[in-house]
Amino acid sequence: MDGSDPPATASPSAAAAGGDDDDERAAGGAPAAQPERCEALAGAIAGVLGGALQEHEGCAAATARSQDELAAAVDRLNGELDKLLENAPSPVIMQQATRISSIRKRVLALNMLLRSIQRRIDNIDRIVSTGVTSDSEM
């Protein structure tokens, strides 16, 4: 599939794109062949996308764990910063504390955005999965 592979035979998608009007006319215009082509094409697409979706799900889970670890570390550091501020309230420390608080807010906002994106991708995955399942049951 990287361009160096010679084309072996016509793929189901190529056959569907070609039309095969002569075959359909010879078979008396058999409409039953069309659902079989759709199922074969849906199966091929699901096979190709299945691996990519599994890889994506693994990466998304790793990202979610990483975001949770980052949020926990930021909260821990924020608590330590509060303790430091109680003991030494100098203007430089106050300025850095404000900066760190700003970074914390941005990290939390990014975390919320990533979770929202993950929910959307999960919804799309669920729709595609149920769509392939309901089409193949026909």
N, C-alpha and C. Protein backbone atom coordinates (compact mmCIF):
# COMPACT_ATOMS: atom_id res chain seq x y z
N MET A 1 0.81 -1.21 0.00
CA MET A 1 0.00 0.00 0.00
C MET A 1 0.84 1.26 0.00
N ASP A 2 2.16 1.12 -0.05
CA ASP A 2 3.01 2.29 -0.01
C ASP A 2 3.42 2.78 -1.39
N GLY A 3 2.80 2.25 -2.40
CA GLY A 3 3.10 2.70 -3.75
C GLY A 3 4.02 1.73 -4.45
N SER A 4 4.77 0.89 -3.72
CA SER A 4 5.68 -0.05 -4.35
C SER A 4 5.02 -1.38 -4.62
N ASP A 5 3.84 -1.62 -4.04
CA ASP A 5 3.13 -2.88 -4.24
C ASP A 5 2.42 -2.85 -5.59
N PRO A 6 2.58 -3.90 -6.37
CA PRO A 6 1.85 -3.95 -7.64
C PRO A 6 0.39 -4.24 -7.39
N PRO A 7 -0.49 -3.67 -8.16
CA PRO A 7 -1.91 -3.96 -7.98
C PRO A 7 -2.20 -5.40 -8.37
N ALA A 8 -2.67 -6.21 -7.42
CA ALA A 8 -2.88 -7.64 -7.66
C ALA A 8 -4.17 -7.86 -8.43
N THR A 9 -5.27 -7.52 -7.84
CA THR A 9 -6.57 -7.67 -8.50
C THR A 9 -7.40 -6.45 -8.19
N ALA A 10 -8.52 -6.37 -8.84
CA ALA A 10 -9.41 -5.23 -8.60
C ALA A 10 -9.99 -5.36 -7.20
N SER A 11 -9.93 -4.30 -6.45
CA SER A 11 -10.48 -4.29 -5.09
C SER A 11 -11.98 -4.14 -5.15
N PRO A 12 -12.66 -4.42 -4.02
CA PRO A 12 -14.13 -4.26 -4.01
C PRO A 12 -14.53 -2.82 -4.31
N SER A 13 -13.72 -1.86 -3.82
CA SER A 13 -14.08 -0.47 -4.09
C SER A 13 -13.90 -0.14 -5.56
N ALA A 14 -12.86 -0.74 -6.20
CA ALA A 14 -12.65 -0.48 -7.62
C ALA A 14 -13.77 -1.11 -8.43
N ALA A 15 -14.22 -2.30 -8.00
CA ALA A 15 -15.32 -2.94 -8.71
C ALA A 15 -16.59 -2.13 -8.57
N ALA A 16 -16.80 -1.59 -7.37
CA ALA A 16 -18.00 -0.79 -7.15
C ALA A 16 -17.92 0.50 -7.95
N ALA A 17 -16.71 1.07 -8.04
CA ALA A 17 -16.55 2.31 -8.78
C ALA A 17 -16.69 2.07 -10.27
N GLY A 18 -16.23 0.89 -10.74
CA GLY A 18 -16.29 0.58 -12.16
C GLY A 18 -17.71 0.35 -12.61
N GLY A 19 -18.55 -0.08 -11.71
CA GLY A 19 -19.95 -0.25 -12.05
C GLY A 19 -20.31 -1.68 -12.35
N ASP A 20 -19.48 -2.40 -13.16
CA ASP A 20 -19.78 -3.77 -13.57
C ASP A 20 -21.20 -3.87 -14.13
N ASP A 21 -21.56 -2.93 -14.99
CA ASP A 21 -22.90 -2.92 -15.56
C ASP A 21 -23.16 -4.17 -16.39
N ASP A 22 -22.13 -4.67 -17.09
CA ASP A 22 -22.32 -5.86 -17.93
C ASP A 22 -22.66 -7.07 -17.08
N ASP A 23 -21.98 -7.21 -15.92
CA ASP A 23 -22.26 -8.35 -15.03
C ASP A 23 -23.68 -8.28 -14.50
N GLU A 24 -24.12 -7.07 -14.12
CA GLU A 24 -25.47 -6.92 -13.59
C GLU A 24 -26.51 -7.20 -14.66
N ARG A 25 -26.25 -6.76 -15.88
CA ARG A 25 -27.21 -7.02 -16.97
C ARG A 25 -27.27 -8.51 -17.29
N ALA A 26 -26.10 -9.17 -17.26
CA ALA A 26 -26.07 -10.60 -17.57
C ALA A 26 -26.80 -11.40 -16.49
N ALA A 27 -26.75 -10.94 -15.27
CA ALA A 27 -27.43 -11.63 -14.18
C ALA A 27 -28.88 -11.18 -14.06
N GLY A 28 -29.35 -10.45 -14.99
CA GLY A 28 -30.73 -9.99 -14.96
C GLY A 28 -30.91 -8.80 -14.04
N GLY A 29 -29.83 -8.04 -13.82
CA GLY A 29 -29.92 -6.85 -12.96
C GLY A 29 -30.14 -7.24 -11.51
N ALA A 30 -29.46 -8.27 -11.05
CA ALA A 30 -29.66 -8.79 -9.69
C ALA A 30 -29.37 -7.72 -8.65
N PRO A 31 -30.41 -7.24 -7.98
CA PRO A 31 -30.19 -6.22 -6.95
C PRO A 31 -29.57 -6.80 -5.69
N ALA A 32 -29.57 -8.12 -5.52
CA ALA A 32 -29.01 -8.73 -4.31
C ALA A 32 -27.49 -8.58 -4.28
N ALA A 33 -26.86 -8.40 -5.42
CA ALA A 33 -25.40 -8.27 -5.45
C ALA A 33 -24.95 -6.96 -4.82
N GLN A 34 -25.77 -5.95 -4.91
CA GLN A 34 -25.40 -4.64 -4.36
C GLN A 34 -25.20 -4.67 -2.85
N PRO A 35 -26.12 -5.25 -2.05
CA PRO A 35 -25.88 -5.30 -0.60
C PRO A 35 -24.61 -6.10 -0.25
N GLU A 36 -24.33 -7.15 -1.03
CA GLU A 36 -23.11 -7.92 -0.77
C GLU A 36 -21.87 -7.06 -1.01
N ARG A 37 -21.91 -6.24 -2.05
CA ARG A 37 -20.78 -5.33 -2.31
C ARG A 37 -20.65 -4.31 -1.18
N CYS A 38 -21.80 -3.80 -0.74
CA CYS A 38 -21.77 -2.82 0.36
C CYS A 38 -21.20 -3.45 1.63
N GLU A 39 -21.62 -4.69 1.91
CA GLU A 39 -21.10 -5.37 3.10
C GLU A 39 -19.61 -5.61 2.97
N ALA A 40 -19.17 -6.01 1.79
CA ALA A 40 -17.74 -6.26 1.58
C ALA A 40 -16.96 -4.96 1.72
N LEU A 41 -17.48 -3.89 1.15
CA LEU A 41 -16.81 -2.60 1.26
C LEU A 41 -16.80 -2.12 2.71
N ALA A 42 -17.93 -2.28 3.40
CA ALA A 42 -18.00 -1.87 4.81
C ALA A 42 -17.03 -2.69 5.65
N GLY A 43 -16.93 -3.98 5.37
CA GLY A 43 -15.98 -4.83 6.09
C GLY A 43 -14.55 -4.41 5.84
N ALA A 44 -14.23 -4.07 4.58
CA ALA A 44 -12.87 -3.63 4.26
C ALA A 44 -12.54 -2.31 4.95
N ILE A 45 -13.49 -1.39 4.93
CA ILE A 45 -13.27 -0.10 5.59
C ILE A 45 -13.11 -0.30 7.09
N ALA A 46 -13.97 -1.13 7.67
CA ALA A 46 -13.88 -1.40 9.11
C ALA A 46 -12.55 -2.05 9.45
N GLY A 47 -12.08 -2.94 8.59
CA GLY A 47 -10.78 -3.58 8.83
C GLY A 47 -9.64 -2.60 8.80
N VAL A 48 -9.68 -1.69 7.84
CA VAL A 48 -8.61 -0.69 7.73
C VAL A 48 -8.68 0.30 8.88
N LEU A 49 -9.87 0.78 9.18
CA LEU A 49 -10.02 1.78 10.23
C LEU A 49 -9.95 1.19 11.63
N GLY A 50 -10.22 -0.10 11.76
CA GLY A 50 -10.22 -0.74 13.07
C GLY A 50 -8.87 -0.61 13.77
N GLY A 51 -7.81 -0.90 13.04
CA GLY A 51 -6.48 -0.77 13.63
C GLY A 51 -6.15 0.65 14.00
N ALA A 52 -6.52 1.57 13.14
CA ALA A 52 -6.24 2.98 13.42
C ALA A 52 -7.04 3.45 14.64
N LEU A 53 -8.29 3.00 14.75
CA LEU A 53 -9.11 3.38 15.90
C LEU A 53 -8.56 2.80 17.19
N GLN A 54 -8.10 1.55 17.15
CA GLN A 54 -7.51 0.95 18.35
C GLN A 54 -6.25 1.69 18.76
N GLU A 55 -5.43 2.04 17.78
CA GLU A 55 -4.22 2.80 18.09
C GLU A 55 -4.58 4.16 18.68
N HIS A 56 -5.59 4.81 18.10
CA HIS A 56 -6.04 6.10 18.61
C HIS A 56 -6.56 5.97 20.04
N GLU A 57 -7.34 4.93 20.30
CA GLU A 57 -7.89 4.74 21.64
C GLU A 57 -6.77 4.54 22.66
N GLY A 58 -5.73 3.80 22.28
CA GLY A 58 -4.59 3.62 23.17
C GLY A 58 -3.88 4.93 23.45
N CYS A 59 -3.68 5.72 22.40
CA CYS A 59 -3.04 7.02 22.57
C CYS A 59 -3.91 7.96 23.39
N ALA A 60 -5.21 7.91 23.16
CA ALA A 60 -6.12 8.78 23.92
C ALA A 60 -6.13 8.40 25.39
N ALA A 61 -6.10 7.11 25.68
CA ALA A 61 -6.07 6.66 27.08
C ALA A 61 -4.76 7.10 27.74
N ALA A 62 -3.65 6.98 27.01
CA ALA A 62 -2.37 7.41 27.55
C ALA A 62 -2.36 8.92 27.79
N THR A 63 -2.98 9.66 26.88
CA THR A 63 -3.06 11.11 27.04
C THR A 63 -3.91 11.48 28.25
N ALA A 64 -5.01 10.77 28.44
CA ALA A 64 -5.88 11.05 29.59
C ALA A 64 -5.13 10.77 30.90
N ARG A 65 -4.39 9.64 30.94
CA ARG A 65 -3.60 9.35 32.14
C ARG A 65 -2.55 10.42 32.37
N SER A 66 -1.90 10.84 31.30
CA SER A 66 -0.87 11.87 31.41
C SER A 66 -1.47 13.19 31.89
N GLN A 67 -2.65 13.53 31.38
CA GLN A 67 -3.32 14.76 31.82
C GLN A 67 -3.70 14.68 33.29
N ASP A 68 -4.15 13.51 33.74
CA ASP A 68 -4.49 13.34 35.15
C ASP A 68 -3.25 13.49 36.03
N GLU A 69 -2.14 12.88 35.58
CA GLU A 69 -0.89 13.00 36.34
C GLU A 69 -0.42 14.45 36.37
N LEU A 70 -0.54 15.14 35.25
CA LEU A 70 -0.13 16.55 35.19
C LEU A 70 -0.99 17.40 36.11
N ALA A 71 -2.30 17.17 36.09
CA ALA A 71 -3.20 17.95 36.96
C ALA A 71 -2.88 17.70 38.43
N ALA A 72 -2.58 16.43 38.78
CA ALA A 72 -2.23 16.11 40.17
C ALA A 72 -0.92 16.80 40.56
N ALA A 73 0.06 16.78 39.65
CA ALA A 73 1.35 17.43 39.94
C ALA A 73 1.18 18.94 40.08
N VAL A 74 0.37 19.54 39.23
CA VAL A 74 0.15 20.98 39.30
C VAL A 74 -0.56 21.33 40.61
N ASP A 75 -1.54 20.53 41.02
CA ASP A 75 -2.23 20.78 42.30
C ASP A 75 -1.26 20.65 43.48
N ARG A 76 -0.40 19.64 43.43
CA ARG A 76 0.58 19.46 44.50
C ARG A 76 1.52 20.65 44.57
N LEU A 77 2.01 21.08 43.40
CA LEU A 77 2.91 22.23 43.36
C LEU A 77 2.21 23.51 43.82
N ASN A 78 0.95 23.63 43.48
CA ASN A 78 0.18 24.80 43.90
C ASN A 78 0.07 24.84 45.43
N GLY A 79 -0.16 23.67 46.04
CA GLY A 79 -0.21 23.60 47.50
C GLY A 79 1.12 23.98 48.14
N GLU A 80 2.22 23.48 47.55
CA GLU A 80 3.54 23.83 48.06
C GLU A 80 3.81 25.32 47.89
N LEU A 81 3.36 25.88 46.79
CA LEU A 81 3.54 27.31 46.56
C LEU A 81 2.78 28.13 47.60
N ASP A 82 1.56 27.69 47.91
CA ASP A 82 0.79 28.40 48.94
C ASP A 82 1.51 28.39 50.28
N LYS A 83 2.13 27.26 50.64
CA LYS A 83 2.89 27.18 51.89
C LYS A 83 4.09 28.13 51.86
N LEU A 84 4.77 28.19 50.71
CA LEU A 84 5.91 29.10 50.57
C LEU A 84 5.47 30.56 50.70
N LEU A 85 4.34 30.88 50.11
CA LEU A 85 3.86 32.25 50.16
C LEU A 85 3.50 32.68 51.58
N GLU A 86 3.02 31.74 52.37
CA GLU A 86 2.70 32.07 53.76
C GLU A 86 3.95 32.43 54.55
N ASN A 87 5.06 31.77 54.22
CA ASN A 87 6.30 31.97 54.96
C ASN A 87 7.13 33.15 54.46
N ALA A 88 7.08 33.45 53.18
CA ALA A 88 7.93 34.51 52.62
C ALA A 88 7.17 35.30 51.56
N PRO A 89 6.32 36.25 51.94
CA PRO A 89 5.54 37.00 50.96
C PRO A 89 6.31 38.17 50.35
N SER A 90 7.31 37.90 49.56
CA SER A 90 8.03 38.98 48.90
C SER A 90 7.38 39.28 47.55
N PRO A 91 7.61 40.48 47.00
CA PRO A 91 6.98 40.84 45.72
C PRO A 91 7.38 39.93 44.56
N VAL A 92 8.62 39.47 44.56
CA VAL A 92 9.07 38.59 43.47
C VAL A 92 8.33 37.26 43.54
N ILE A 93 8.21 36.73 44.74
CA ILE A 93 7.50 35.46 44.91
C ILE A 93 6.03 35.62 44.53
N MET A 94 5.44 36.74 44.90
CA MET A 94 4.03 36.98 44.56
C MET A 94 3.86 37.03 43.03
N GLN A 95 4.81 37.64 42.35
CA GLN A 95 4.73 37.73 40.89
C GLN A 95 4.84 36.34 40.27
N GLN A 96 5.77 35.52 40.76
CA GLN A 96 5.91 34.16 40.25
C GLN A 96 4.68 33.31 40.58
N ALA A 97 4.12 33.55 41.76
CA ALA A 97 2.92 32.80 42.14
C ALA A 97 1.76 33.13 41.21
N THR A 98 1.64 34.37 40.84
CA THR A 98 0.59 34.77 39.90
C THR A 98 0.81 34.10 38.55
N ARG A 99 2.05 34.05 38.14
CA ARG A 99 2.39 33.42 36.86
C ARG A 99 2.08 31.93 36.90
N ILE A 100 2.45 31.26 37.98
CA ILE A 100 2.18 29.83 38.11
C ILE A 100 0.68 29.57 38.16
N SER A 101 -0.06 30.41 38.83
CA SER A 101 -1.52 30.25 38.88
C SER A 101 -2.12 30.41 37.49
N SER A 102 -1.58 31.32 36.72
CA SER A 102 -2.05 31.51 35.34
C SER A 102 -1.77 30.27 34.50
N ILE A 103 -0.58 29.71 34.67
CA ILE A 103 -0.23 28.49 33.93
C ILE A 103 -1.15 27.35 34.34
N ARG A 104 -1.44 27.26 35.64
CA ARG A 104 -2.33 26.21 36.13
C ARG A 104 -3.71 26.32 35.48
N LYS A 105 -4.22 27.53 35.39
CA LYS A 105 -5.53 27.73 34.76
C LYS A 105 -5.51 27.31 33.29
N ARG A 106 -4.42 27.62 32.59
CA ARG A 106 -4.31 27.24 31.18
C ARG A 106 -4.23 25.72 31.03
N VAL A 107 -3.48 25.05 31.92
CA VAL A 107 -3.37 23.59 31.87
C VAL A 107 -4.73 22.96 32.11
N LEU A 108 -5.47 23.46 33.09
CA LEU A 108 -6.80 22.92 33.37
C LEU A 108 -7.75 23.15 32.20
N ALA A 109 -7.67 24.31 31.56
CA ALA A 109 -8.51 24.59 30.40
C ALA A 109 -8.17 23.65 29.25
N LEU A 110 -6.88 23.41 29.03
CA LEU A 110 -6.45 22.49 27.98
C LEU A 110 -6.91 21.07 28.28
N ASN A 111 -6.83 20.69 29.54
CA ASN A 111 -7.30 19.37 29.96
C ASN A 111 -8.79 19.21 29.66
N MET A 112 -9.58 20.22 29.96
CA MET A 112 -11.01 20.17 29.67
C MET A 112 -11.27 20.07 28.17
N LEU A 113 -10.49 20.81 27.38
CA LEU A 113 -10.64 20.76 25.93
C LEU A 113 -10.30 19.38 25.39
N LEU A 114 -9.22 18.79 25.88
CA LEU A 114 -8.84 17.45 25.42
C LEU A 114 -9.90 16.41 25.79
N ARG A 115 -10.47 16.53 26.97
CA ARG A 115 -11.54 15.60 27.36
C ARG A 115 -12.77 15.78 26.46
N SER A 116 -13.08 17.02 26.11
CA SER A 116 -14.21 17.28 25.22
C SER A 116 -13.96 16.68 23.84
N ILE A 117 -12.75 16.85 23.34
CA ILE A 117 -12.40 16.27 22.03
C ILE A 117 -12.49 14.75 22.10
N GLN A 118 -12.00 14.16 23.20
CA GLN A 118 -12.07 12.71 23.34
C GLN A 118 -13.50 12.23 23.36
N ARG A 119 -14.40 12.94 24.05
CA ARG A 119 -15.82 12.55 24.05
C ARG A 119 -16.40 12.61 22.64
N ARG A 120 -16.04 13.64 21.89
CA ARG A 120 -16.55 13.76 20.52
C ARG A 120 -16.05 12.62 19.65
N ILE A 121 -14.78 12.28 19.77
CA ILE A 121 -14.21 11.18 18.98
C ILE A 121 -14.87 9.87 19.38
N ASP A 122 -15.11 9.67 20.68
CA ASP A 122 -15.79 8.46 21.12
C ASP A 122 -17.20 8.38 20.55
N ASN A 123 -17.89 9.52 20.49
CA ASN A 123 -19.24 9.54 19.89
C ASN A 123 -19.18 9.19 18.42
N ILE A 124 -18.21 9.73 17.70
CA ILE A 124 -18.06 9.43 16.27
C ILE A 124 -17.76 7.94 16.10
N ASP A 125 -16.87 7.41 16.92
CA ASP A 125 -16.53 5.99 16.86
C ASP A 125 -17.76 5.13 17.11
N ARG A 126 -18.56 5.52 18.11
CA ARG A 126 -19.77 4.76 18.42
C ARG A 126 -20.75 4.82 17.24
N ILE A 127 -20.90 5.98 16.62
CA ILE A 127 -21.82 6.12 15.48
C ILE A 127 -21.35 5.27 14.31
N VAL A 128 -20.03 5.32 14.03
CA VAL A 128 -19.49 4.53 12.92
C VAL A 128 -19.64 3.04 13.21
N SER A 129 -19.36 2.64 14.45
CA SER A 129 -19.47 1.22 14.81
C SER A 129 -20.91 0.73 14.68
N THR A 130 -21.86 1.50 15.17
CA THR A 130 -23.25 1.07 15.08
C THR A 130 -23.75 1.15 13.65
N GLY A 131 -23.23 2.09 12.88
CA GLY A 131 -23.62 2.19 11.47
C GLY A 131 -23.17 0.99 10.68
N VAL A 132 -21.94 0.53 10.91
CA VAL A 132 -21.41 -0.64 10.20
C VAL A 132 -22.19 -1.86 10.64
N THR A 133 -22.51 -1.98 11.93
CA THR A 133 -23.24 -3.12 12.45
C THR A 133 -24.65 -3.17 11.87
N SER A 134 -25.34 -2.04 11.85
CA SER A 134 -26.72 -2.04 11.36
C SER A 134 -26.77 -2.26 9.85
N ASP A 135 -25.77 -1.80 9.10
CA ASP A 135 -25.74 -2.02 7.66
C ASP A 135 -25.48 -3.49 7.34
N SER A 136 -24.64 -4.13 8.12
CA SER A 136 -24.29 -5.53 7.82
C SER A 136 -25.41 -6.48 8.23
N GLU A 137 -26.33 -6.04 9.09
CA GLU A 137 -27.44 -6.91 9.49
C GLU A 137 -28.53 -6.97 8.42
N MET A 138 -28.54 -6.07 7.50
CA MET A 138 -29.59 -6.02 6.48
C MET A 138 -29.48 -7.16 5.53
